[in-house]
C-alpha atoms as a PDB file:
ATOM      1  CA  UNK A   1       0.029  -0.075  -0.049  1.00  0.00           C
ATOM      2  CA  UNK A   2       2.787   2.414   0.778  1.00  0.00           C
ATOM      3  CA  UNK A   3       4.464   1.780  -2.644  1.00  0.00           C
ATOM      4  CA  UNK A   4       1.410   3.161  -4.230  1.00  0.00           C
ATOM      5  CA  UNK A   5       1.843   6.661  -2.572  1.00  0.00           C
ATOM      6  CA  UNK A   6       5.043   8.264  -3.835  1.00  0.00           C
ATOM      7  CA  UNK A   7       5.111  10.741  -0.895  1.00  0.00           C
ATOM      8  CA  UNK A   8       5.327   7.816   1.467  1.00  0.00           C
ATOM      9  CA  UNK A   9       7.274   5.218  -0.536  1.00  0.00           C
ATOM     10  CA  UNK A  10      10.107   7.721  -1.125  1.00  0.00           C
ATOM     11  CA  UNK A  11      10.703   7.656   2.563  1.00  0.00           C
ATOM     12  CA  UNK A  12      11.439   4.053   2.828  1.00  0.00           C
ATOM     13  CA  UNK A  13      15.181   3.307   2.691  1.00  0.00           C
ATOM     14  CA  UNK A  14      15.068  -0.451   2.633  1.00  0.00           C
ATOM     15  CA  UNK A  15      11.791  -2.483   1.957  1.00  0.00           C
ATOM     16  CA  UNK A  16      11.720  -5.549   4.265  1.00  0.00           C
ATOM     17  CA  UNK A  17       9.846  -8.634   3.477  1.00  0.00           C
ATOM     18  CA  UNK A  18       8.654 -10.622   6.597  1.00  0.00           C
ATOM     19  CA  UNK A  19       7.539 -14.183   6.531  1.00  0.00           C
ATOM     20  CA  UNK A  20       5.527 -16.051   9.104  1.00  0.00           C
ATOM     21  CA  UNK A  21       7.316 -17.875  11.902  1.00  0.00           C
ATOM     22  CA  UNK A  22       7.535 -21.515  11.554  1.00  0.00           C
ATOM     23  CA  UNK A  23       6.132 -23.712  14.348  1.00  0.00           C
ATOM     24  CA  UNK A  24       9.673 -24.340  15.427  1.00  0.00           C
ATOM     25  CA  UNK A  25      10.524 -20.682  15.330  1.00  0.00           C
ATOM     26  CA  UNK A  26       7.309 -19.911  17.403  1.00  0.00           C
ATOM     27  CA  UNK A  27       8.364 -22.500  20.125  1.00  0.00           C
ATOM     28  CA  UNK A  28      11.856 -21.034  20.187  1.00  0.00           C
ATOM     29  CA  UNK A  29      11.183 -17.344  19.910  1.00  0.00           C
ATOM     30  CA  UNK A  30       7.701 -16.713  21.794  1.00  0.00           C
ATOM     31  CA  UNK A  31       8.916 -17.794  25.351  1.00  0.00           C
ATOM     32  CA  UNK A  32      11.666 -15.251  24.820  1.00  0.00           C
ATOM     33  CA  UNK A  33       9.538 -12.439  23.508  1.00  0.00           C
ATOM     34  CA  UNK A  34       7.626 -11.899  26.885  1.00  0.00           C
ATOM     35  CA  UNK A  35       7.684 -13.305  30.375  1.00  0.00           C
ATOM     36  CA  UNK A  36       3.921 -14.262  30.043  1.00  0.00           C
ATOM     37  CA  UNK A  37       5.037 -16.924  27.481  1.00  0.00           C
ATOM     38  CA  UNK A  38       8.196 -17.946  29.361  1.00  0.00           C
ATOM     39  CA  UNK A  39       5.944 -19.112  32.205  1.00  0.00           C
ATOM     40  CA  UNK A  40       3.345 -20.747  30.010  1.00  0.00           C
ATOM     41  CA  UNK A  41       2.592 -24.372  29.654  1.00  0.00           C
ATOM     42  CA  UNK A  42       4.695 -25.288  26.519  1.00  0.00           C
ATOM     43  CA  UNK A  43       1.629 -26.920  24.870  1.00  0.00           C
ATOM     44  CA  UNK A  44      -0.288 -23.597  25.145  1.00  0.00           C
ATOM     45  CA  UNK A  45       2.178 -21.726  22.722  1.00  0.00           C
ATOM     46  CA  UNK A  46       1.366 -23.879  19.702  1.00  0.00           C
ATOM     47  CA  UNK A  47      -2.280 -23.876  20.750  1.00  0.00           C
ATOM     48  CA  UNK A  48      -2.222 -20.038  20.704  1.00  0.00           C
ATOM     49  CA  UNK A  49      -0.351 -19.950  17.372  1.00  0.00           C
ATOM     50  CA  UNK A  50      -2.708 -22.448  15.712  1.00  0.00           C
ATOM     51  CA  UNK A  51      -5.771 -20.595  16.919  1.00  0.00           C
ATOM     52  CA  UNK A  52      -4.775 -16.845  16.828  1.00  0.00           C
ATOM     53  CA  UNK A  53      -1.342 -15.805  15.845  1.00  0.00           C
ATOM     54  CA  UNK A  54      -0.516 -18.061  12.909  1.00  0.00           C
ATOM     55  CA  UNK A  55       3.160 -17.367  12.994  1.00  0.00           C
ATOM     56  CA  UNK A  56       2.603 -13.563  12.642  1.00  0.00           C
ATOM     57  CA  UNK A  57       4.684 -11.650  15.173  1.00  0.00           C
ATOM     58  CA  UNK A  58       2.338  -8.709  15.095  1.00  0.00           C
ATOM     59  CA  UNK A  59      -0.594 -10.986  15.944  1.00  0.00           C
ATOM     60  CA  UNK A  60       1.618 -12.470  18.877  1.00  0.00           C
ATOM     61  CA  UNK A  61       2.007  -8.868  20.205  1.00  0.00           C
ATOM     62  CA  UNK A  62      -1.726  -8.268  19.996  1.00  0.00           C
ATOM     63  CA  UNK A  63      -2.472 -11.579  21.721  1.00  0.00           C
ATOM     64  CA  UNK A  64       0.117 -10.890  24.459  1.00  0.00           C
ATOM     65  CA  UNK A  65      -1.560  -7.590  25.126  1.00  0.00           C
ATOM     66  CA  UNK A  66      -4.881  -9.213  25.591  1.00  0.00           C
ATOM     67  CA  UNK A  67      -3.471 -11.996  27.682  1.00  0.00           C
ATOM     68  CA  UNK A  68      -1.891  -9.511  29.987  1.00  0.00           C
ATOM     69  CA  UNK A  69      -5.087  -7.824  30.394  1.00  0.00           C
ATOM     70  CA  UNK A  70      -6.911 -11.137  31.186  1.00  0.00           C
ATOM     71  CA  UNK A  71      -4.177 -12.058  33.773  1.00  0.00           C
ATOM     72  CA  UNK A  72      -4.376  -8.560  35.512  1.00  0.00           C
ATOM     73  CA  UNK A  73      -8.144  -8.695  35.558  1.00  0.00           C
ATOM     74  CA  UNK A  74      -8.426 -12.279  36.771  1.00  0.00           C
ATOM     75  CA  UNK A  75      -5.393 -12.283  39.079  1.00  0.00           C
ATOM     76  CA  UNK A  76      -4.269 -15.569  37.631  1.00  0.00           C
ATOM     77  CA  UNK A  77      -0.528 -16.081  37.863  1.00  0.00           C
ATOM     78  CA  UNK A  78       0.001 -17.609  34.287  1.00  0.00           C
ATOM     79  CA  UNK A  79      -1.652 -18.303  30.983  1.00  0.00           C
ATOM     80  CA  UNK A  80      -4.116 -21.088  30.798  1.00  0.00           C
ATOM     81  CA  UNK A  81      -6.678 -22.275  28.041  1.00  0.00           C
ATOM     82  CA  UNK A  82      -9.440 -20.279  29.549  1.00  0.00           C
ATOM     83  CA  UNK A  83      -7.368 -17.043  29.366  1.00  0.00           C
ATOM     84  CA  UNK A  84      -6.273 -17.796  25.851  1.00  0.00           C
ATOM     85  CA  UNK A  85      -9.852 -18.418  24.668  1.00  0.00           C
ATOM     86  CA  UNK A  86     -10.918 -15.087  26.182  1.00  0.00           C
ATOM     87  CA  UNK A  87      -7.942 -13.358  24.451  1.00  0.00           C
ATOM     88  CA  UNK A  88      -8.889 -15.131  21.148  1.00  0.00           C
ATOM     89  CA  UNK A  89     -12.466 -13.741  21.544  1.00  0.00           C
ATOM     90  CA  UNK A  90     -11.009 -10.249  21.886  1.00  0.00           C
ATOM     91  CA  UNK A  91      -8.942 -10.672  18.718  1.00  0.00           C
ATOM     92  CA  UNK A  92     -12.136 -11.791  16.747  1.00  0.00           C
ATOM     93  CA  UNK A  93     -10.472 -15.147  16.103  1.00  0.00           C
ATOM     94  CA  UNK A  94     -11.732 -18.606  17.065  1.00  0.00           C
ATOM     95  CA  UNK A  95     -10.730 -20.755  19.952  1.00  0.00           C
END
């Protein structure tokens, strides 16, 4: 979209192409991304990826924000499937 606007595209020095994280990359990267995921059940990370993030780092950031809100609101110490399903509903995704 930016490329179609000369005033905006001329300000881009290098165009970067991003690909989705593979399931292996998700498993390695997401626990390092935020403490919420470092303390999560390892099975919940691929569950969240399949249902909401789909290897998209921006979607992981959005999901993390909703998970943090849910944890603060409920007082739960860590992510669980119920928290994830609530966060999925806030994203408009399934779960």
